[in-house]
Amino acid sequence: MVSSRLFNNIEFSVLRRIGIGLAIAGGVINSMLYNIDDRHRDVIFDRFQGVKLDVIEEGTHFMISWLHRPIIFDIRARPRSVPSITEIQGIKARRKQSTSGE
């Protein structure tokens, strides 16, 4: 009885160490991976070299968390409406020409 309890304690001790080791390894790997969504791009800021020239596309990527910092940009095209005075004056001039020509 005593020997089986001792064996179980040693077995749980080994399992506990393996579990803690796997949890720490998983946390480190999780902090080194990051995702870039589609229609986004990324540049890396390196603490020693500054901003790197490589543009990283979408997907899952690896970084060293204390050395690199990803800067993610949204590159989706958005419709823009830019008002223009000359455009409005041109439309008014065309309207006057079309009404006076009839």
PDB file of N, CA and C in Angstrom:
ATOM      1  N   MET A   1       0.804  -1.190   0.000  1.00  0.00           N
ATOM      2  CA  MET A   1       0.000   0.000   0.000  1.00  0.00           C
ATOM      3  C   MET A   1       0.854   1.264   0.000  1.00  0.00           C
ATOM      4  N   VAL A   2       1.812   1.307   0.863  1.00  0.00           N
ATOM      5  CA  VAL A   2       2.656   2.490   0.965  1.00  0.00           C
ATOM      6  C   VAL A   2       3.447   2.686  -0.316  1.00  0.00           C
ATOM      7  N   SER A   3       3.937   1.611  -0.904  1.00  0.00           N
ATOM      8  CA  SER A   3       4.725   1.732  -2.130  1.00  0.00           C
ATOM      9  C   SER A   3       3.856   2.200  -3.298  1.00  0.00           C
ATOM     10  N   SER A   4       2.597   1.783  -3.364  1.00  0.00           N
ATOM     11  CA  SER A   4       1.718   2.228  -4.454  1.00  0.00           C
ATOM     12  C   SER A   4       1.360   3.705  -4.291  1.00  0.00           C
ATOM     13  N   ARG A   5       1.190   4.172  -3.055  1.00  0.00           N
ATOM     14  CA  ARG A   5       0.928   5.599  -2.828  1.00  0.00           C
ATOM     15  C   ARG A   5       2.142   6.436  -3.203  1.00  0.00           C
ATOM     16  N   LEU A   6       3.314   5.965  -2.874  1.00  0.00           N
ATOM     17  CA  LEU A   6       4.538   6.669  -3.231  1.00  0.00           C
ATOM     18  C   LEU A   6       4.688   6.722  -4.742  1.00  0.00           C
ATOM     19  N   PHE A   7       4.391   5.623  -5.406  1.00  0.00           N
ATOM     20  CA  PHE A   7       4.473   5.578  -6.861  1.00  0.00           C
ATOM     21  C   PHE A   7       3.480   6.556  -7.488  1.00  0.00           C
ATOM     22  N   ASN A   8       2.256   6.621  -6.936  1.00  0.00           N
ATOM     23  CA  ASN A   8       1.249   7.545  -7.450  1.00  0.00           C
ATOM     24  C   ASN A   8       1.674   8.993  -7.242  1.00  0.00           C
ATOM     25  N   ASN A   9       2.273   9.318  -6.110  1.00  0.00           N
ATOM     26  CA  ASN A   9       2.737  10.689  -5.866  1.00  0.00           C
ATOM     27  C   ASN A   9       3.839  11.069  -6.838  1.00  0.00           C
ATOM     28  N   ILE A  10       4.757  10.148  -7.091  1.00  0.00           N
ATOM     29  CA  ILE A  10       5.830  10.423  -8.043  1.00  0.00           C
ATOM     30  C   ILE A  10       5.245  10.575  -9.441  1.00  0.00           C
ATOM     31  N   GLU A  11       4.286   9.734  -9.781  1.00  0.00           N
ATOM     32  CA  GLU A  11       3.652   9.800 -11.095  1.00  0.00           C
ATOM     33  C   GLU A  11       2.923  11.130 -11.278  1.00  0.00           C
ATOM     34  N   PHE A  12       2.184  11.558 -10.264  1.00  0.00           N
ATOM     35  CA  PHE A  12       1.488  12.848 -10.353  1.00  0.00           C
ATOM     36  C   PHE A  12       2.466  14.001 -10.401  1.00  0.00           C
ATOM     37  N   SER A  13       3.575  13.890  -9.711  1.00  0.00           N
ATOM     38  CA  SER A  13       4.588  14.939  -9.740  1.00  0.00           C
ATOM     39  C   SER A  13       5.156  15.100 -11.150  1.00  0.00           C
ATOM     40  N   VAL A  14       5.435  13.991 -11.809  1.00  0.00           N
ATOM     41  CA  VAL A  14       5.953  14.043 -13.180  1.00  0.00           C
ATOM     42  C   VAL A  14       4.891  14.602 -14.122  1.00  0.00           C
ATOM     43  N   LEU A  15       3.656  14.139 -13.982  1.00  0.00           N
ATOM     44  CA  LEU A  15       2.569  14.657 -14.826  1.00  0.00           C
ATOM     45  C   LEU A  15       2.338  16.142 -14.584  1.00  0.00           C
ATOM     46  N   ARG A  16       2.439  16.571 -13.345  1.00  0.00           N
ATOM     47  CA  ARG A  16       2.258  17.973 -13.011  1.00  0.00           C
ATOM     48  C   ARG A  16       3.340  18.815 -13.688  1.00  0.00           C
ATOM     49  N   ARG A  17       4.578  18.360 -13.645  1.00  0.00           N
ATOM     50  CA  ARG A  17       5.679  19.091 -14.284  1.00  0.00           C
ATOM     51  C   ARG A  17       5.500  19.150 -15.795  1.00  0.00           C
ATOM     52  N   ILE A  18       5.088  18.036 -16.375  1.00  0.00           N
ATOM     53  CA  ILE A  18       4.854  18.013 -17.822  1.00  0.00           C
ATOM     54  C   ILE A  18       3.708  18.962 -18.185  1.00  0.00           C
ATOM     55  N   GLY A  19       2.645  18.951 -17.396  1.00  0.00           N
ATOM     56  CA  GLY A  19       1.504  19.847 -17.653  1.00  0.00           C
ATOM     57  C   GLY A  19       1.884  21.306 -17.540  1.00  0.00           C
ATOM     58  N   ILE A  20       2.647  21.653 -16.519  1.00  0.00           N
ATOM     59  CA  ILE A  20       3.080  23.044 -16.355  1.00  0.00           C
ATOM     60  C   ILE A  20       4.002  23.446 -17.498  1.00  0.00           C
ATOM     61  N   GLY A  21       4.904  22.558 -17.887  1.00  0.00           N
ATOM     62  CA  GLY A  21       5.797  22.841 -19.011  1.00  0.00           C
ATOM     63  C   GLY A  21       5.043  23.057 -20.316  1.00  0.00           C
ATOM     64  N   LEU A  22       4.037  22.211 -20.578  1.00  0.00           N
ATOM     65  CA  LEU A  22       3.231  22.374 -21.788  1.00  0.00           C
ATOM     66  C   LEU A  22       2.418  23.666 -21.765  1.00  0.00           C
ATOM     67  N   ALA A  23       1.911  24.039 -20.588  1.00  0.00           N
ATOM     68  CA  ALA A  23       1.144  25.283 -20.475  1.00  0.00           C
ATOM     69  C   ALA A  23       2.032  26.495 -20.744  1.00  0.00           C
ATOM     70  N   ILE A  24       3.233  26.484 -20.204  1.00  0.00           N
ATOM     71  CA  ILE A  24       4.147  27.608 -20.432  1.00  0.00           C
ATOM     72  C   ILE A  24       4.567  27.667 -21.901  1.00  0.00           C
ATOM     73  N   ALA A  25       4.896  26.518 -22.485  1.00  0.00           N
ATOM     74  CA  ALA A  25       5.278  26.476 -23.904  1.00  0.00           C
ATOM     75  C   ALA A  25       4.124  26.951 -24.793  1.00  0.00           C
ATOM     76  N   GLY A  26       2.904  26.538 -24.478  1.00  0.00           N
ATOM     77  CA  GLY A  26       1.746  26.988 -25.254  1.00  0.00           C
ATOM     78  C   GLY A  26       1.524  28.483 -25.142  1.00  0.00           C
ATOM     79  N   GLY A  27       1.718  29.036 -23.953  1.00  0.00           N
ATOM     80  CA  GLY A  27       1.567  30.481 -23.773  1.00  0.00           C
ATOM     81  C   GLY A  27       2.612  31.274 -24.539  1.00  0.00           C
ATOM     82  N   VAL A  28       3.845  30.783 -24.539  1.00  0.00           N
ATOM     83  CA  VAL A  28       4.918  31.464 -25.275  1.00  0.00           C
ATOM     84  C   VAL A  28       4.644  31.415 -26.776  1.00  0.00           C
ATOM     85  N   ILE A  29       4.262  30.255 -27.280  1.00  0.00           N
ATOM     86  CA  ILE A  29       3.968  30.129 -28.712  1.00  0.00           C
ATOM     87  C   ILE A  29       2.770  30.987 -29.091  1.00  0.00           C
ATOM     88  N   ASN A  30       1.763  31.036 -28.241  1.00  0.00           N
ATOM     89  CA  ASN A  30       0.578  31.853 -28.509  1.00  0.00           C
ATOM     90  C   ASN A  30       0.935  33.334 -28.576  1.00  0.00           C
ATOM     91  N   SER A  31       1.870  33.797 -27.755  1.00  0.00           N
ATOM     92  CA  SER A  31       2.245  35.211 -27.783  1.00  0.00           C
ATOM     93  C   SER A  31       3.141  35.543 -28.968  1.00  0.00           C
ATOM     94  N   MET A  32       3.711  34.537 -29.636  1.00  0.00           N
ATOM     95  CA  MET A  32       4.573  34.775 -30.787  1.00  0.00           C
ATOM     96  C   MET A  32       3.827  34.723 -32.113  1.00  0.00           C
ATOM     97  N   LEU A  33       2.596  34.260 -32.119  1.00  0.00           N
ATOM     98  CA  LEU A  33       1.818  34.175 -33.348  1.00  0.00           C
ATOM     99  C   LEU A  33       0.800  35.305 -33.411  1.00  0.00           C
ATOM    100  N   TYR A  34       0.591  35.843 -34.610  1.00  0.00           N
ATOM    101  CA  TYR A  34      -0.456  36.850 -34.796  1.00  0.00           C
ATOM    102  C   TYR A  34      -1.055  36.688 -36.181  1.00  0.00           C
ATOM    103  N   ASN A  35      -2.284  37.130 -36.336  1.00  0.00           N
ATOM    104  CA  ASN A  35      -3.024  36.983 -37.594  1.00  0.00           C
ATOM    105  C   ASN A  35      -3.221  38.337 -38.252  1.00  0.00           C
ATOM    106  N   ILE A  36      -3.170  38.319 -39.577  1.00  0.00           N
ATOM    107  CA  ILE A  36      -3.514  39.491 -40.373  1.00  0.00           C
ATOM    108  C   ILE A  36      -4.720  39.091 -41.212  1.00  0.00           C
ATOM    109  N   ASP A  37      -5.799  39.840 -41.078  1.00  0.00           N
ATOM    110  CA  ASP A  37      -7.019  39.542 -41.821  1.00  0.00           C
ATOM    111  C   ASP A  37      -6.844  39.881 -43.299  1.00  0.00           C
ATOM    112  N   ASP A  38      -7.773  39.363 -44.119  1.00  0.00           N
ATOM    113  CA  ASP A  38      -7.711  39.715 -45.530  1.00  0.00           C
ATOM    114  C   ASP A  38      -8.036  41.188 -45.702  1.00  0.00           C
ATOM    115  N   ARG A  39      -7.484  41.770 -46.735  1.00  0.00           N
ATOM    116  CA  ARG A  39      -7.571  43.199 -47.034  1.00  0.00           C
ATOM    117  C   ARG A  39      -6.853  44.051 -45.990  1.00  0.00           C
ATOM    118  N   HIS A  40      -5.885  43.478 -45.309  1.00  0.00           N
ATOM    119  CA  HIS A  40      -5.022  44.199 -44.389  1.00  0.00           C
ATOM    120  C   HIS A  40      -3.579  43.850 -44.739  1.00  0.00           C
ATOM    121  N   ARG A  41      -2.666  44.741 -44.428  1.00  0.00           N
ATOM    122  CA  ARG A  41      -1.241  44.489 -44.601  1.00  0.00           C
ATOM    123  C   ARG A  41      -0.538  44.886 -43.311  1.00  0.00           C
ATOM    124  N   ASP A  42       0.727  44.489 -43.206  1.00  0.00           N
ATOM    125  CA  ASP A  42       1.450  44.654 -41.962  1.00  0.00           C
ATOM    126  C   ASP A  42       2.895  45.030 -42.261  1.00  0.00           C
ATOM    127  N   VAL A  43       3.449  45.925 -41.456  1.00  0.00           N
ATOM    128  CA  VAL A  43       4.886  46.168 -41.431  1.00  0.00           C
ATOM    129  C   VAL A  43       5.343  45.901 -40.008  1.00  0.00           C
ATOM    130  N   ILE A  44       6.592  45.517 -39.873  1.00  0.00           N
ATOM    131  CA  ILE A  44       7.136  45.163 -38.564  1.00  0.00           C
ATOM    132  C   ILE A  44       8.030  46.287 -38.062  1.00  0.00           C
ATOM    133  N   PHE A  45       7.805  46.703 -36.833  1.00  0.00           N
ATOM    134  CA  PHE A  45       8.712  47.624 -36.169  1.00  0.00           C
ATOM    135  C   PHE A  45       9.654  46.791 -35.305  1.00  0.00           C
ATOM    136  N   ASP A  46      10.937  46.884 -35.588  1.00  0.00           N
ATOM    137  CA  ASP A  46      11.975  46.168 -34.860  1.00  0.00           C
ATOM    138  C   ASP A  46      12.643  47.158 -33.908  1.00  0.00           C
ATOM    139  N   ARG A  47      12.837  46.779 -32.665  1.00  0.00           N
ATOM    140  CA  ARG A  47      13.420  47.692 -31.677  1.00  0.00           C
ATOM    141  C   ARG A  47      14.843  48.113 -32.020  1.00  0.00           C
ATOM    142  N   PHE A  48      15.571  47.300 -32.769  1.00  0.00           N
ATOM    143  CA  PHE A  48      16.956  47.627 -33.105  1.00  0.00           C
ATOM    144  C   PHE A  48      17.102  48.249 -34.487  1.00  0.00           C
ATOM    145  N   GLN A  49      16.324  47.790 -35.466  1.00  0.00           N
ATOM    146  CA  GLN A  49      16.462  48.245 -36.849  1.00  0.00           C
ATOM    147  C   GLN A  49      15.423  49.277 -37.264  1.00  0.00           C
ATOM    148  N   GLY A  50      14.407  49.505 -36.476  1.00  0.00           N
ATOM    149  CA  GLY A  50      13.333  50.413 -36.862  1.00  0.00           C
ATOM    150  C   GLY A  50      12.300  49.687 -37.706  1.00  0.00           C
ATOM    151  N   VAL A  51      11.611  50.442 -38.573  1.00  0.00           N
ATOM    152  CA  VAL A  51      10.567  49.856 -39.413  1.00  0.00           C
ATOM    153  C   VAL A  51      11.223  49.087 -40.548  1.00  0.00           C
ATOM    154  N   LYS A  52      10.870  47.826 -40.703  1.00  0.00           N
ATOM    155  CA  LYS A  52      11.408  47.006 -41.784  1.00  0.00           C
ATOM    156  C   LYS A  52      10.654  47.303 -43.071  1.00  0.00           C
ATOM    157  N   LEU A  53      11.314  47.157 -44.197  1.00  0.00           N
ATOM    158  CA  LEU A  53      10.730  47.505 -45.487  1.00  0.00           C
ATOM    159  C   LEU A  53       9.789  46.442 -46.030  1.00  0.00           C
ATOM    160  N   ASP A  54       9.817  45.236 -45.492  1.00  0.00           N
ATOM    161  CA  ASP A  54       8.967  44.162 -45.976  1.00  0.00           C
ATOM    162  C   ASP A  54       7.513  44.418 -45.594  1.00  0.00           C
ATOM    163  N   VAL A  55       6.617  44.243 -46.565  1.00  0.00           N
ATOM    164  CA  VAL A  55       5.184  44.321 -46.309  1.00  0.00           C
ATOM    165  C   VAL A  55       4.675  42.892 -46.209  1.00  0.00           C
ATOM    166  N   ILE A  56       4.004  42.587 -45.112  1.00  0.00           N
ATOM    167  CA  ILE A  56       3.541  41.238 -44.850  1.00  0.00           C
ATOM    168  C   ILE A  56       2.058  41.154 -45.180  1.00  0.00           C
ATOM    169  N   GLU A  57       1.688  40.133 -45.933  1.00  0.00           N
ATOM    170  CA  GLU A  57       0.291  39.975 -46.347  1.00  0.00           C
ATOM    171  C   GLU A  57      -0.482  39.153 -45.333  1.00  0.00           C
ATOM    172  N   GLU A  58      -1.763  38.885 -45.645  1.00  0.00           N
ATOM    173  CA  GLU A  58      -2.641  38.215 -44.686  1.00  0.00           C
ATOM    174  C   GLU A  58      -2.193  36.804 -44.384  1.00  0.00           C
ATOM    175  N   GLY A  59      -2.598  36.341 -43.220  1.00  0.00           N
ATOM    176  CA  GLY A  59      -2.251  34.996 -42.777  1.00  0.00           C
ATOM    177  C   GLY A  59      -1.770  35.009 -41.335  1.00  0.00           C
ATOM    178  N   THR A  60      -1.292  33.875 -40.874  1.00  0.00           N
ATOM    179  CA  THR A  60      -0.739  33.753 -39.530  1.00  0.00           C
ATOM    180  C   THR A  60       0.772  33.870 -39.624  1.00  0.00           C
ATOM    181  N   HIS A  61       1.345  34.704 -38.775  1.00  0.00           N
ATOM    182  CA  HIS A  61       2.774  34.994 -38.842  1.00  0.00           C
ATOM    183  C   HIS A  61       3.415  34.874 -37.474  1.00  0.00           C
ATOM    184  N   PHE A  62       4.728  34.772 -37.489  1.00  0.00           N
ATOM    185  CA  PHE A  62       5.536  34.578 -36.288  1.00  0.00           C
ATOM    186  C   PHE A  62       6.293  35.863 -35.989  1.00  0.00           C
ATOM    187  N   MET A  63       6.401  36.217 -34.720  1.00  0.00           N
ATOM    188  CA  MET A  63       7.196  37.370 -34.308  1.00  0.00           C
ATOM    189  C   MET A  63       7.818  37.079 -32.950  1.00  0.00           C
ATOM    190  N   ILE A  64       8.879  37.788 -32.644  1.00  0.00           N
ATOM    191  CA  ILE A  64       9.479  37.724 -31.316  1.00  0.00           C
ATOM    192  C   ILE A  64       8.873  38.892 -30.547  1.00  0.00           C
ATOM    193  N   SER A  65       8.047  38.612 -29.571  1.00  0.00           N
ATOM    194  CA  SER A  65       7.185  39.633 -28.978  1.00  0.00           C
ATOM    195  C   SER A  65       7.946  40.767 -28.301  1.00  0.00           C
ATOM    196  N   TRP A  66       9.084  40.539 -27.713  1.00  0.00           N
ATOM    197  CA  TRP A  66       9.799  41.632 -27.067  1.00  0.00           C
ATOM    198  C   TRP A  66      10.666  42.418 -28.048  1.00  0.00           C
ATOM    199  N   LEU A  67      10.854  41.891 -29.268  1.00  0.00           N
ATOM    200  CA  LEU A  67      11.696  42.552 -30.267  1.00  0.00           C
ATOM    201  C   LEU A  67      10.882  43.197 -31.379  1.00  0.00           C
ATOM    202  N   HIS A  68       9.824  42.547 -31.817  1.00  0.00           N
ATOM    203  CA  HIS A  68       9.021  43.029 -32.943  1.00  0.00           C
ATOM    204  C   HIS A  68       7.654  43.512 -32.479  1.00  0.00           C
ATOM    205  N   ARG A  69       7.134  44.498 -33.216  1.00  0.00           N
ATOM    206  CA  ARG A  69       5.759  44.946 -32.988  1.00  0.00           C
ATOM    207  C   ARG A  69       5.090  45.110 -34.344  1.00  0.00           C
ATOM    208  N   PRO A  70       4.054  44.341 -34.630  1.00  0.00           N
ATOM    209  CA  PRO A  70       3.391  44.486 -35.930  1.00  0.00           C
ATOM    210  C   PRO A  70       2.511  45.737 -35.967  1.00  0.00           C
ATOM    211  N   ILE A  71       2.552  46.441 -37.092  1.00  0.00           N
ATOM    212  CA  ILE A  71       1.686  47.598 -37.328  1.00  0.00           C
ATOM    213  C   ILE A  71       0.795  47.213 -38.504  1.00  0.00           C
ATOM    214  N   ILE A  72      -0.477  47.044 -38.245  1.00  0.00           N
ATOM    215  CA  ILE A  72      -1.415  46.521 -39.242  1.00  0.00           C
ATOM    216  C   ILE A  72      -2.195  47.675 -39.868  1.00  0.00           C
ATOM    217  N   PHE A  73      -2.246  47.680 -41.215  1.00  0.00           N
ATOM    218  CA  PHE A  73      -2.944  48.720 -41.967  1.00  0.00           C
ATOM    219  C   PHE A  73      -4.134  48.117 -42.695  1.00  0.00           C
ATOM    220  N   ASP A  74      -5.197  48.902 -42.791  1.00  0.00           N
ATOM    221  CA  ASP A  74      -6.384  48.519 -43.551  1.00  0.00           C
ATOM    222  C   ASP A  74      -6.216  49.074 -44.958  1.00  0.00           C
ATOM    223  N   ILE A  75      -6.208  48.208 -45.974  1.00  0.00           N
ATOM    224  CA  ILE A  75      -5.967  48.670 -47.348  1.00  0.00           C
ATOM    225  C   ILE A  75      -7.210  48.544 -48.222  1.00  0.00           C
ATOM    226  N   ARG A  76      -8.374  48.393 -47.625  1.00  0.00           N
ATOM    227  CA  ARG A  76      -9.596  48.279 -48.413  1.00  0.00           C
ATOM    228  C   ARG A  76      -9.890  49.600 -49.116  1.00  0.00           C
ATOM    229  N   ALA A  77     -10.388  49.501 -50.319  1.00  0.00           N
ATOM    230  CA  ALA A  77     -10.775  50.694 -51.071  1.00  0.00           C
ATOM    231  C   ALA A  77     -12.125  51.181 -50.551  1.00  0.00           C
ATOM    232  N   ARG A  78     -12.213  52.464 -50.286  1.00  0.00           N
ATOM    233  CA  ARG A  78     -13.455  53.054 -49.791  1.00  0.00           C
ATOM    234  C   ARG A  78     -13.916  54.135 -50.761  1.00  0.00           C
ATOM    235  N   PRO A  79     -15.187  54.184 -51.051  1.00  0.00           N
ATOM    236  CA  PRO A  79     -15.665  55.270 -51.922  1.00  0.00           C
ATOM    237  C   PRO A  79     -15.591  56.606 -51.187  1.00  0.00           C
ATOM    238  N   ARG A  80     -15.184  57.610 -51.905  1.00  0.00           N
ATOM    239  CA  ARG A  80     -15.064  58.947 -51.304  1.00  0.00           C
ATOM    240  C   ARG A  80     -15.799  59.947 -52.171  1.00  0.00           C
ATOM    241  N   SER A  81     -16.435  60.884 -51.544  1.00  0.00           N
ATOM    242  CA  SER A  81     -17.109  61.963 -52.242  1.00  0.00           C
ATOM    243  C   SER A  81     -16.380  63.254 -51.913  1.00  0.00           C
ATOM    244  N   VAL A  82     -15.777  63.839 -52.929  1.00  0.00           N
ATOM    245  CA  VAL A  82     -15.017  65.068 -52.727  1.00  0.00           C
ATOM    246  C   VAL A  82     -15.759  66.191 -53.433  1.00  0.00           C
ATOM    247  N   PRO A  83     -16.309  67.127 -52.676  1.00  0.00           N
ATOM    248  CA  PRO A  83     -17.018  68.235 -53.321  1.00  0.00           C
ATOM    249  C   PRO A  83     -16.034  69.173 -54.027  1.00  0.00           C
ATOM    250  N   SER A  84     -16.460  69.693 -55.170  1.00  0.00           N
ATOM    251  CA  SER A  84     -15.606  70.572 -55.948  1.00  0.00           C
ATOM    252  C   SER A  84     -16.433  71.744 -56.447  1.00  0.00           C
ATOM    253  N   ILE A  85     -15.928  72.940 -56.258  1.00  0.00           N
ATOM    254  CA  ILE A  85     -16.644  74.142 -56.708  1.00  0.00           C
ATOM    255  C   ILE A  85     -16.682  74.178 -58.228  1.00  0.00           C
ATOM    256  N   THR A  86     -15.593  73.857 -58.868  1.00  0.00           N
ATOM    257  CA  THR A  86     -15.556  73.901 -60.331  1.00  0.00           C
ATOM    258  C   THR A  86     -16.518  72.885 -60.930  1.00  0.00           C
ATOM    259  N   GLU A  87     -16.716  71.758 -60.281  1.00  0.00           N
ATOM    260  CA  GLU A  87     -17.649  70.759 -60.785  1.00  0.00           C
ATOM    261  C   GLU A  87     -19.070  71.304 -60.748  1.00  0.00           C
ATOM    262  N   ILE A  88     -19.444  71.964 -59.676  1.00  0.00           N
ATOM    263  CA  ILE A  88     -20.792  72.526 -59.549  1.00  0.00           C
ATOM    264  C   ILE A  88     -20.997  73.642 -60.562  1.00  0.00           C
ATOM    265  N   GLN A  89     -20.002  74.495 -60.752  1.00  0.00           N
ATOM    266  CA  GLN A  89     -20.124  75.573 -61.728  1.00  0.00           C
ATOM    267  C   GLN A  89     -20.222  75.008 -63.147  1.00  0.00           C
ATOM    268  N   GLY A  90     -19.502  73.949 -63.427  1.00  0.00           N
ATOM    269  CA  GLY A  90     -19.573  73.329 -64.753  1.00  0.00           C
ATOM    270  C   GLY A  90     -20.943  72.734 -65.020  1.00  0.00           C
ATOM    271  N   ILE A  91     -21.561  72.132 -64.002  1.00  0.00           N
ATOM    272  CA  ILE A  91     -22.904  71.566 -64.162  1.00  0.00           C
ATOM    273  C   ILE A  91     -23.915  72.685 -64.391  1.00  0.00           C
ATOM    274  N   LYS A  92     -23.793  73.787 -63.641  1.00  0.00           N
ATOM    275  CA  LYS A  92     -24.701  74.916 -63.821  1.00  0.00           C
ATOM    276  C   LYS A  92     -24.560  75.519 -65.216  1.00  0.00           C
ATOM    277  N   ALA A  93     -23.312  75.618 -65.704  1.00  0.00           N
ATOM    278  CA  ALA A  93     -23.089  76.173 -67.044  1.00  0.00           C
ATOM    279  C   ALA A  93     -23.703  75.262 -68.103  1.00  0.00           C
ATOM    280  N   ARG A  94     -23.589  73.966 -67.957  1.00  0.00           N
ATOM    281  CA  ARG A  94     -24.174  73.031 -68.919  1.00  0.00           C
ATOM    282  C   ARG A  94     -25.704  73.115 -68.887  1.00  0.00           C
ATOM    283  N   ARG A  95     -26.256  73.287 -67.698  1.00  0.00           N
ATOM    284  CA  ARG A  95     -27.720  73.395 -67.591  1.00  0.00           C
ATOM    285  C   ARG A  95     -28.204  74.666 -68.295  1.00  0.00           C
ATOM    286  N   LYS A  96     -27.460  75.757 -68.132  1.00  0.00           N
ATOM    287  CA  LYS A  96     -27.849  77.010 -68.786  1.00  0.00           C
ATOM    288  C   LYS A  96     -27.768  76.856 -70.298  1.00  0.00           C
ATOM    289  N   GLN A  97     -26.705  76.212 -70.794  1.00  0.00           N
ATOM    290  CA  GLN A  97     -26.570  76.025 -72.238  1.00  0.00           C
ATOM    291  C   GLN A  97     -27.689  75.151 -72.790  1.00  0.00           C
ATOM    292  N   SER A  98     -28.058  74.094 -72.049  1.00  0.00           N
ATOM    293  CA  SER A  98     -29.086  73.195 -72.559  1.00  0.00           C
ATOM    294  C   SER A  98     -30.465  73.851 -72.526  1.00  0.00           C
ATOM    295  N   THR A  99     -30.725  74.722 -71.538  1.00  0.00           N
ATOM    296  CA  THR A  99     -32.034  75.388 -71.489  1.00  0.00           C
ATOM    297  C   THR A  99     -32.089  76.549 -72.465  1.00  0.00           C
ATOM    298  N   SER A 100     -31.000  77.261 -72.702  1.00  0.00           N
ATOM    299  CA  SER A 100     -31.038  78.401 -73.628  1.00  0.00           C
ATOM    300  C   SER A 100     -30.986  77.938 -75.086  1.00  0.00           C
ATOM    301  N   GLY A 101     -30.478  76.772 -75.348  1.00  0.00           N
ATOM    302  CA  GLY A 101     -30.361  76.248 -76.703  1.00  0.00           C
ATOM    303  C   GLY A 101     -31.688  75.735 -77.251  1.00  0.00           C
ATOM    304  N   GLU A 102     -32.676  75.517 -76.432  1.00  0.00           N
ATOM    305  CA  GLU A 102     -33.955  74.954 -76.899  1.00  0.00           C
ATOM    306  C   GLU A 102     -34.828  75.997 -77.398  1.00  0.00           C
TER     307      GLU A 102
END
